Amino acid sequence: MPPTTENALLEAALDADLAKLRKLVNGYPLPLDACDGLLNGVHLFGEREGLALQAALVTGRPLLVRGLPGVGKSQLARAAAQALGRALVLQTVDARTEPRDLMYRIDAVQRLADAQIPLKRAAAAAPAEGTAGKRAKAPQTNAERLALHNYVQPGALWFAFNWAEAAGLKAKSAGAACAHWFEKRAQNGVVVLIDEIDKAEADVPNALLDVLGNGGFTGPDGARVSVPAGTRPPLVVITTNEERAVPDAFLRRCLVLHLELPEKRDELIKYVEPRAKLHVGGLDDAVLREAAERLADDREEARKLGLAAPGLAELIDLLRAVSKLATGRDAQIKVIEEVRRLTYRKHLELAPPPRTPATPATGEGAVEEAPRPPAPPPADPAKPRRSPRAKAGKPA
């Protein structure tokens, strides 16, 4: 296909993706399918969120989503994949994540264990030909059996750049075919969610910066992994809870979206009520209002004490519990007061009580302190000092 034709098709695909996002920004609730361990849900796009996703698609930059836990950072990536009809690839970062883990991992332990097994025993243990998701026949030599590609586990960035190649490696290493929903959606492109990048050391976002800037990376066999010609580039969403600052150079290469709940009480209640209603249906409006008002109260108290404030996630947890623990408006409102201690006030309950300065006791029951002896007078510098031996009557 000529380059001009490929570019025209990619431009048309980009325009179609932008149109899908514009449609959802108008307050249309988007149902989220269950996939890869994620439960069914629903997302209500805000105007700023929709604009940020569109800008990330147009510029090809990763979107760094900042904010406190529970404001919907990770769900934004999931909703973007659902809205665009793309596959979602999720990789959660922790303190042990290394830069290469985002690209691939090599199961060196399994490879070493397989090397201890004689070839004949490995051939006898191989699955029968035609078994789904398994290699059809045993390798003929030890070199084939212990080949490096048999132990490569592709990371999120490999799926982002070349999902078909990564899916083949995953099926070979994990012994299972790629999920059907992923294969079907990946033809429309991939949304990559790299969650909680702030938990990693600084070399992880720096390595990610190099890979995204170069449009690919070198695989374990020395081959280049990049987006095939005529394929939609990935939409990369990165989240941070801001527990640790990310490098400035990394920030400059990203588009940054800061998600936060409204500060004013009335605006907060107006924001969370419709979103909570989408997640937990069947509740009376008075129950929703009571839960939202108590959320506003406890957020204000937590902020004054410098503690982590509850958010939308805690509100949804509370309403889900209330909907099952009580029946009827009055009973559910009563249960809110108990469940909020487990959700909204979990940090407040653990906070130590404020200390009050001690005041001296007065009145008839007060106990008078004994007067302290006066301090000894300072030594006279003009008077010669006697040594300890002289005090004992011995010559100095």
Protein backbone atom coordinates (compact mmCIF):
# COMPACT_ATOMS: atom_id res chain seq x y z
CA MET A 1 0.00 0.00 0.00
CA PRO A 2 1.49 3.39 -0.94
CA PRO A 3 2.53 5.61 1.98
CA THR A 4 0.04 8.29 0.97
CA THR A 5 -2.81 5.78 1.12
CA GLU A 6 -1.66 4.54 4.55
CA ASN A 7 -1.51 8.09 5.87
CA ALA A 8 -4.98 8.85 4.50
CA LEU A 9 -6.41 5.76 6.20
CA LEU A 10 -4.74 6.64 9.51
CA GLU A 11 -6.06 10.21 9.31
CA ALA A 12 -9.56 8.90 8.65
CA ALA A 13 -9.25 6.51 11.62
CA LEU A 14 -8.07 9.38 13.82
CA ASP A 15 -11.04 11.54 12.81
CA ALA A 16 -13.38 8.66 13.61
CA ASP A 17 -11.82 8.22 17.08
CA LEU A 18 -12.12 11.93 17.82
CA ALA A 19 -15.78 11.88 16.81
CA LYS A 20 -16.45 8.99 19.22
CA LEU A 21 -14.93 10.89 22.12
CA ARG A 22 -16.77 14.13 21.31
CA LYS A 23 -20.05 12.26 21.41
CA LEU A 24 -19.36 10.96 24.91
CA VAL A 25 -18.28 14.29 26.39
CA ASN A 26 -21.89 15.48 26.37
CA GLY A 27 -22.71 13.59 29.58
CA TYR A 28 -23.57 10.26 27.98
CA PRO A 29 -22.92 7.39 30.45
CA LEU A 30 -20.64 4.75 28.97
CA PRO A 31 -21.10 1.14 30.19
CA LEU A 32 -17.82 -0.68 30.81
CA ASP A 33 -17.59 -4.36 29.91
CA ALA A 34 -16.06 -6.88 32.27
CA CYS A 35 -12.67 -8.02 30.99
CA ASP A 36 -9.43 -9.43 32.33
CA GLY A 37 -10.61 -9.51 35.95
CA LEU A 38 -12.29 -6.07 35.80
CA LEU A 39 -15.95 -5.91 36.79
CA ASN A 40 -18.76 -4.27 34.90
CA GLY A 41 -19.02 -0.55 35.48
CA VAL A 42 -20.00 2.77 33.99
CA HIS A 43 -18.11 5.98 33.27
CA LEU A 44 -19.36 9.53 32.86
CA PHE A 45 -16.91 11.59 30.84
CA GLY A 46 -16.16 15.13 31.92
CA GLU A 47 -15.34 17.83 29.41
CA ARG A 48 -11.71 18.12 30.53
CA GLU A 49 -11.21 14.35 30.38
CA GLY A 50 -12.58 14.12 26.85
CA LEU A 51 -10.46 17.03 25.66
CA ALA A 52 -7.32 15.52 27.19
CA LEU A 53 -7.88 12.17 25.45
CA GLN A 54 -8.48 13.88 22.12
CA ALA A 55 -5.32 15.94 22.49
CA ALA A 56 -3.30 12.80 23.34
CA LEU A 57 -4.59 11.07 20.21
CA VAL A 58 -3.77 14.03 17.96
CA THR A 59 -0.29 14.74 19.34
CA GLY A 60 0.72 11.12 19.93
CA ARG A 61 1.91 12.05 23.43
CA PRO A 62 1.30 9.91 26.52
CA LEU A 63 -1.36 11.29 28.87
CA LEU A 64 -0.18 11.55 32.48
CA VAL A 65 -3.21 11.58 34.80
CA ARG A 66 -2.47 13.01 38.23
CA GLY A 67 -4.63 13.01 41.34
CA LEU A 68 -5.35 11.42 44.68
CA PRO A 69 -6.56 7.80 44.88
CA GLY A 70 -10.23 7.25 44.16
CA VAL A 71 -10.86 10.03 41.63
CA GLY A 72 -11.12 7.75 38.58
CA LYS A 73 -7.66 7.90 37.00
CA SER A 74 -7.40 4.23 36.06
CA GLN A 75 -11.03 4.03 34.98
CA LEU A 76 -10.42 6.84 32.48
CA ALA A 77 -8.08 4.60 30.47
CA ARG A 78 -10.55 1.74 30.61
CA ALA A 79 -13.36 4.04 29.45
CA ALA A 80 -11.19 5.34 26.60
CA ALA A 81 -10.57 1.79 25.39
CA GLN A 82 -14.29 1.03 25.58
CA ALA A 83 -15.27 4.22 23.76
CA LEU A 84 -12.72 3.73 20.97
CA GLY A 85 -13.34 0.00 20.62
CA ARG A 86 -9.69 -0.71 21.41
CA ALA A 87 -8.00 -3.38 23.49
CA LEU A 88 -6.86 -2.41 26.97
CA VAL A 89 -3.43 -3.45 28.21
CA LEU A 90 -2.82 -2.85 31.92
CA GLN A 91 0.47 -2.94 33.78
CA THR A 92 0.63 -1.87 37.41
CA VAL A 93 3.95 -0.52 38.64
CA ASP A 94 5.40 -1.19 42.08
CA ALA A 95 8.65 -0.56 43.91
CA ARG A 96 10.24 -3.68 42.38
CA THR A 97 9.39 -2.81 38.77
CA GLU A 98 12.45 -2.48 36.56
CA PRO A 99 12.60 -0.49 33.31
CA ARG A 100 12.73 -3.62 31.15
CA ASP A 101 9.58 -5.03 32.77
CA LEU A 102 7.43 -2.57 30.79
CA MET A 103 8.83 -4.07 27.59
CA TYR A 104 9.32 -7.75 28.42
CA ARG A 105 10.45 -10.23 31.03
CA ILE A 106 12.46 -13.40 30.63
CA ASP A 107 11.55 -16.34 32.85
CA ALA A 108 15.13 -17.37 33.51
CA VAL A 109 14.13 -19.57 36.46
CA GLN A 110 11.82 -21.72 34.34
CA ARG A 111 14.39 -21.92 31.59
CA LEU A 112 17.02 -23.13 34.05
CA ALA A 113 14.59 -25.71 35.45
CA ASP A 114 13.76 -26.99 31.95
CA ALA A 115 17.47 -27.29 31.19
CA GLN A 116 17.75 -29.88 33.97
CA ILE A 117 15.13 -32.13 32.35
CA PRO A 118 16.49 -34.63 29.80
CA LEU A 119 15.17 -34.21 26.26
CA LYS A 120 13.46 -37.61 26.18
CA ARG A 121 11.48 -36.89 29.35
CA ALA A 122 10.50 -33.45 27.98
CA ALA A 123 9.26 -35.05 24.76
CA ALA A 124 7.17 -37.57 26.72
CA ALA A 125 5.61 -34.79 28.82
CA ALA A 126 4.77 -32.63 25.79
CA PRO A 127 1.02 -32.21 25.03
CA ALA A 128 -0.55 -34.16 22.26
CA GLU A 129 -0.71 -32.54 18.84
CA GLY A 130 -3.68 -30.24 18.41
CA THR A 131 -4.15 -29.35 22.09
CA ALA A 132 -5.59 -25.81 22.21
CA GLY A 133 -3.17 -23.13 23.37
CA LYS A 134 -0.20 -25.50 23.53
CA ARG A 135 2.69 -26.19 21.20
CA ALA A 136 1.52 -28.86 18.77
CA LYS A 137 4.65 -31.00 18.99
CA ALA A 138 7.71 -31.32 21.17
CA PRO A 139 10.93 -29.66 20.02
CA GLN A 140 13.44 -31.96 18.38
CA THR A 141 16.58 -30.60 20.07
CA ASN A 142 17.57 -28.99 23.33
CA ALA A 143 18.40 -25.79 21.46
CA GLU A 144 14.82 -25.58 20.17
CA ARG A 145 13.35 -26.46 23.54
CA LEU A 146 15.42 -23.90 25.44
CA ALA A 147 15.22 -21.16 22.82
CA LEU A 148 14.93 -17.74 24.42
CA HIS A 149 11.65 -16.82 22.74
CA ASN A 150 9.93 -19.69 24.55
CA TYR A 151 10.48 -17.87 27.86
CA VAL A 152 9.81 -14.27 26.88
CA GLN A 153 6.79 -12.66 28.54
CA PRO A 154 5.82 -9.47 26.69
CA GLY A 155 5.07 -6.36 28.72
CA ALA A 156 2.56 -3.60 28.17
CA LEU A 157 4.73 -1.68 25.70
CA TRP A 158 5.24 -4.72 23.49
CA PHE A 159 1.46 -5.09 23.23
CA ALA A 160 1.22 -1.37 22.55
CA PHE A 161 3.62 -1.41 19.62
CA ASN A 162 2.92 -4.83 18.08
CA TRP A 163 0.00 -6.61 19.69
CA ALA A 164 -0.02 -9.54 17.24
CA GLU A 165 3.61 -10.40 17.93
CA ALA A 166 3.14 -9.97 21.70
CA ALA A 167 0.02 -12.15 21.68
CA GLY A 168 1.97 -14.92 19.99
CA LEU A 169 4.70 -14.74 22.60
CA LYS A 170 2.18 -14.72 25.42
CA ALA A 171 0.46 -17.82 24.07
CA LYS A 172 3.80 -19.58 23.72
CA SER A 173 5.13 -18.70 27.18
CA ALA A 174 1.92 -18.90 29.20
CA GLY A 175 0.42 -21.86 27.33
CA ALA A 176 -2.84 -20.06 26.57
CA ALA A 177 -4.18 -18.30 23.51
CA CYS A 178 -4.83 -14.56 23.67
CA ALA A 179 -8.38 -13.71 24.73
CA HIS A 180 -10.86 -13.31 21.89
CA TRP A 181 -11.99 -9.89 23.04
CA PHE A 182 -8.41 -8.65 22.90
CA GLU A 183 -7.74 -10.01 19.40
CA LYS A 184 -10.94 -8.47 18.08
CA ARG A 185 -10.42 -5.02 19.59
CA ALA A 186 -6.68 -4.81 19.03
CA GLN A 187 -7.30 -4.51 15.31
CA ASN A 188 -8.66 -1.03 16.12
CA GLY A 189 -5.62 -0.15 18.22
CA VAL A 190 -4.50 -0.49 21.82
CA VAL A 191 -4.92 1.65 24.94
CA VAL A 192 -2.05 1.08 27.37
CA LEU A 193 -2.56 1.86 31.05
CA ILE A 194 0.64 2.10 33.10
CA ASP A 195 -0.75 2.48 36.59
CA GLU A 196 0.94 4.19 39.56
CA ILE A 197 4.21 5.19 37.91
CA ASP A 198 5.13 7.17 41.05
CA LYS A 199 5.82 3.94 42.95
CA ALA A 200 8.83 3.15 40.75
CA GLU A 201 12.34 4.52 40.85
CA ALA A 202 13.25 7.41 38.56
CA ASP A 203 14.89 5.14 35.98
CA VAL A 204 11.52 3.57 35.11
CA PRO A 205 9.81 6.74 33.80
CA ASN A 206 13.10 7.75 32.15
CA ALA A 207 13.25 4.43 30.29
CA LEU A 208 9.60 4.79 29.35
CA LEU A 209 10.39 8.25 27.99
CA ASP A 210 13.09 6.84 25.71
CA VAL A 211 10.88 4.05 24.38
CA LEU A 212 7.93 6.32 23.63
CA GLY A 213 10.16 8.98 22.13
CA ASN A 214 11.86 6.48 19.81
CA GLY A 215 8.63 4.72 18.89
CA GLY A 216 9.91 1.28 19.84
CA PHE A 217 12.63 -0.75 21.55
CA THR A 218 15.03 -3.61 20.95
CA GLY A 219 13.68 -7.03 21.88
CA PRO A 220 15.61 -9.79 23.66
CA ASP A 221 16.69 -11.29 20.32
CA GLY A 222 18.02 -7.96 19.04
CA ALA A 223 15.09 -7.34 16.69
CA ARG A 224 13.32 -3.99 16.62
CA VAL A 225 9.82 -3.85 18.17
CA SER A 226 7.78 -0.96 16.78
CA VAL A 227 4.36 -0.12 15.39
CA PRO A 228 3.88 -1.81 11.99
CA ALA A 229 3.23 0.44 9.02
CA GLY A 230 -0.42 1.33 8.56
CA THR A 231 -1.31 0.49 12.17
CA ARG A 232 -2.85 2.94 14.61
CA PRO A 233 -0.35 4.13 17.21
CA PRO A 234 -1.21 3.28 20.84
CA LEU A 235 -2.92 5.64 23.25
CA VAL A 236 -0.75 5.56 26.40
CA VAL A 237 -2.30 6.61 29.72
CA ILE A 238 -0.05 6.83 32.78
CA THR A 239 -1.36 7.46 36.29
CA THR A 240 0.32 8.81 39.40
CA ASN A 241 -0.93 9.27 42.95
CA GLU A 242 1.88 11.80 43.42
CA GLU A 243 3.46 9.91 46.29
CA ARG A 244 6.77 10.57 44.57
CA ALA A 245 7.63 13.28 42.03
CA VAL A 246 8.29 12.13 38.46
CA PRO A 247 11.30 13.56 36.58
CA ASP A 248 10.83 16.94 34.94
CA ALA A 249 12.05 15.62 31.59
CA PHE A 250 9.30 13.02 31.70
CA LEU A 251 6.66 15.65 32.46
CA ARG A 252 7.75 17.73 29.48
CA ARG A 253 7.10 14.84 27.10
CA CYS A 254 3.59 14.15 28.44
CA LEU A 255 0.22 15.81 28.35
CA VAL A 256 -0.88 16.23 31.95
CA LEU A 257 -4.43 15.97 33.27
CA HIS A 258 -5.08 16.71 36.95
CA LEU A 259 -8.22 14.99 38.23
CA GLU A 260 -9.66 16.25 41.49
CA LEU A 261 -13.02 16.55 43.15
CA PRO A 262 -14.58 20.02 43.54
CA GLU A 263 -13.62 21.84 46.73
CA LYS A 264 -16.88 23.67 47.36
CA ARG A 265 -19.53 21.67 49.15
CA ASP A 266 -22.43 22.29 46.75
CA GLU A 267 -20.28 21.63 43.69
CA LEU A 268 -18.94 18.42 45.21
CA ILE A 269 -22.43 17.08 45.93
CA LYS A 270 -23.60 18.02 42.44
CA TYR A 271 -20.58 16.23 40.93
CA VAL A 272 -20.69 12.94 42.86
CA GLU A 273 -24.46 12.31 43.00
CA PRO A 274 -25.05 11.46 39.31
CA ARG A 275 -21.90 9.36 39.14
CA ALA A 276 -22.81 7.40 42.23
CA LYS A 277 -26.31 6.82 40.87
CA LEU A 278 -24.86 5.31 37.70
CA HIS A 279 -22.77 2.83 39.69
CA VAL A 280 -25.40 1.92 42.30
CA GLY A 281 -28.93 2.08 40.96
CA GLY A 282 -32.22 1.56 42.74
CA LEU A 283 -31.55 3.87 45.69
CA ASP A 284 -33.83 6.68 46.76
CA ASP A 285 -32.62 10.20 45.97
CA ALA A 286 -32.72 11.04 49.67
CA VAL A 287 -30.25 8.21 50.37
CA LEU A 288 -27.92 9.46 47.65
CA ARG A 289 -28.10 13.00 48.98
CA GLU A 290 -27.42 11.89 52.57
CA ALA A 291 -24.38 9.87 51.46
CA ALA A 292 -23.05 12.76 49.38
CA GLU A 293 -23.52 15.28 52.21
CA ARG A 294 -21.74 13.04 54.71
CA LEU A 295 -18.91 12.64 52.19
CA ALA A 296 -18.57 16.42 52.00
CA ASP A 297 -18.51 16.68 55.81
CA ASP A 298 -15.86 14.01 56.27
CA ARG A 299 -13.70 15.36 53.44
CA GLU A 300 -13.66 18.77 55.11
CA GLU A 301 -12.74 17.26 58.50
CA ALA A 302 -9.97 15.13 56.99
CA ARG A 303 -8.45 18.12 55.17
CA LYS A 304 -8.37 20.19 58.37
CA LEU A 305 -6.42 17.40 60.08
CA GLY A 306 -4.08 16.89 57.12
CA LEU A 307 -5.36 13.36 56.47
CA ALA A 308 -6.27 11.58 53.23
CA ALA A 309 -9.81 12.63 52.31
CA PRO A 310 -12.41 10.11 51.07
CA GLY A 311 -13.44 10.32 47.43
CA LEU A 312 -15.78 8.92 44.84
CA ALA A 313 -14.51 5.37 45.30
CA GLU A 314 -15.46 5.43 49.00
CA LEU A 315 -18.89 6.84 48.16
CA ILE A 316 -19.57 3.99 45.72
CA ASP A 317 -18.38 1.41 48.26
CA LEU A 318 -20.67 2.89 50.91
CA LEU A 319 -23.71 2.89 48.63
CA ARG A 320 -23.12 -0.67 47.48
CA ALA A 321 -22.98 -1.82 51.10
CA VAL A 322 -26.04 0.21 52.11
CA SER A 323 -28.11 -1.13 49.19
CA LYS A 324 -27.58 -4.70 50.43
CA LEU A 325 -27.57 -4.20 54.19
CA ALA A 326 -30.90 -2.39 54.56
CA THR A 327 -34.23 -2.02 52.79
CA GLY A 328 -36.19 1.20 52.58
CA ARG A 329 -35.12 4.83 52.68
CA ASP A 330 -35.13 5.38 56.44
CA ALA A 331 -33.28 2.15 57.22
CA GLN A 332 -30.65 2.83 54.58
CA ILE A 333 -30.06 6.37 55.83
CA LYS A 334 -29.56 4.95 59.32
CA VAL A 335 -27.05 2.38 58.07
CA ILE A 336 -25.05 5.13 56.35
CA GLU A 337 -23.92 6.41 59.76
CA GLU A 338 -22.37 3.03 60.57
CA VAL A 339 -20.89 2.21 57.18
CA ARG A 340 -19.29 5.65 56.83
CA ARG A 341 -16.93 4.75 59.68
CA LEU A 342 -15.64 1.90 57.51
CA THR A 343 -15.37 3.97 54.33
CA TYR A 344 -15.30 7.74 54.71
CA ARG A 345 -13.77 7.89 58.18
CA LYS A 346 -11.20 5.09 58.01
CA HIS A 347 -8.35 7.60 58.27
CA LEU A 348 -10.15 9.75 60.81
CA GLU A 349 -10.77 6.74 63.06
CA LEU A 350 -7.05 5.97 63.12
CA ALA A 351 -5.97 9.55 63.76
CA PRO A 352 -4.68 10.19 67.32
CA PRO A 353 -6.80 12.58 69.40
CA PRO A 354 -5.53 16.17 69.40
CA ARG A 355 -3.31 17.01 72.35
CA THR A 356 -4.35 19.81 74.70
CA PRO A 357 -1.66 21.80 76.56
CA ALA A 358 -1.40 20.94 80.24
CA THR A 359 -2.67 23.64 82.63
CA PRO A 360 -1.46 24.04 86.23
CA ALA A 361 -3.88 22.75 88.86
CA THR A 362 -5.56 25.34 91.08
CA GLY A 363 -8.07 25.27 93.92
CA GLU A 364 -8.43 23.31 97.10
CA GLY A 365 -7.42 19.96 95.60
CA ALA A 366 -4.22 21.27 94.03
CA VAL A 367 -0.96 19.82 95.29
CA GLU A 368 1.78 22.36 95.80
CA GLU A 369 5.17 21.50 94.39
CA ALA A 370 8.17 21.55 96.72
CA PRO A 371 10.43 24.55 96.09
CA ARG A 372 13.52 23.70 94.10
CA PRO A 373 16.89 24.37 95.79
CA PRO A 374 18.66 27.48 94.54
CA ALA A 375 21.34 27.03 91.93
CA PRO A 376 24.94 27.26 93.21
CA PRO A 377 26.62 30.64 92.66
CA PRO A 378 29.00 30.86 89.71
CA ALA A 379 32.67 30.36 90.43
CA ASP A 380 34.82 33.44 90.94
CA PRO A 381 37.38 33.48 88.10
CA ALA A 382 39.81 35.56 90.20
CA LYS A 383 39.99 32.94 92.96
CA PRO A 384 42.53 30.13 92.35
CA ARG A 385 40.96 26.70 92.01
CA ARG A 386 42.21 23.87 94.22
CA SER A 387 42.81 20.46 92.75
CA PRO A 388 41.00 17.39 94.13
CA ARG A 389 44.25 16.12 95.65
CA ALA A 390 44.70 19.36 97.54
CA LYS A 391 41.20 18.97 99.00
CA ALA A 392 42.15 15.56 100.34
CA GLY A 393 45.12 17.05 102.28
CA LYS A 394 47.80 15.84 99.88
CA PRO A 395 50.40 18.09 98.33
CA ALA A 396 49.44 19.34 94.90
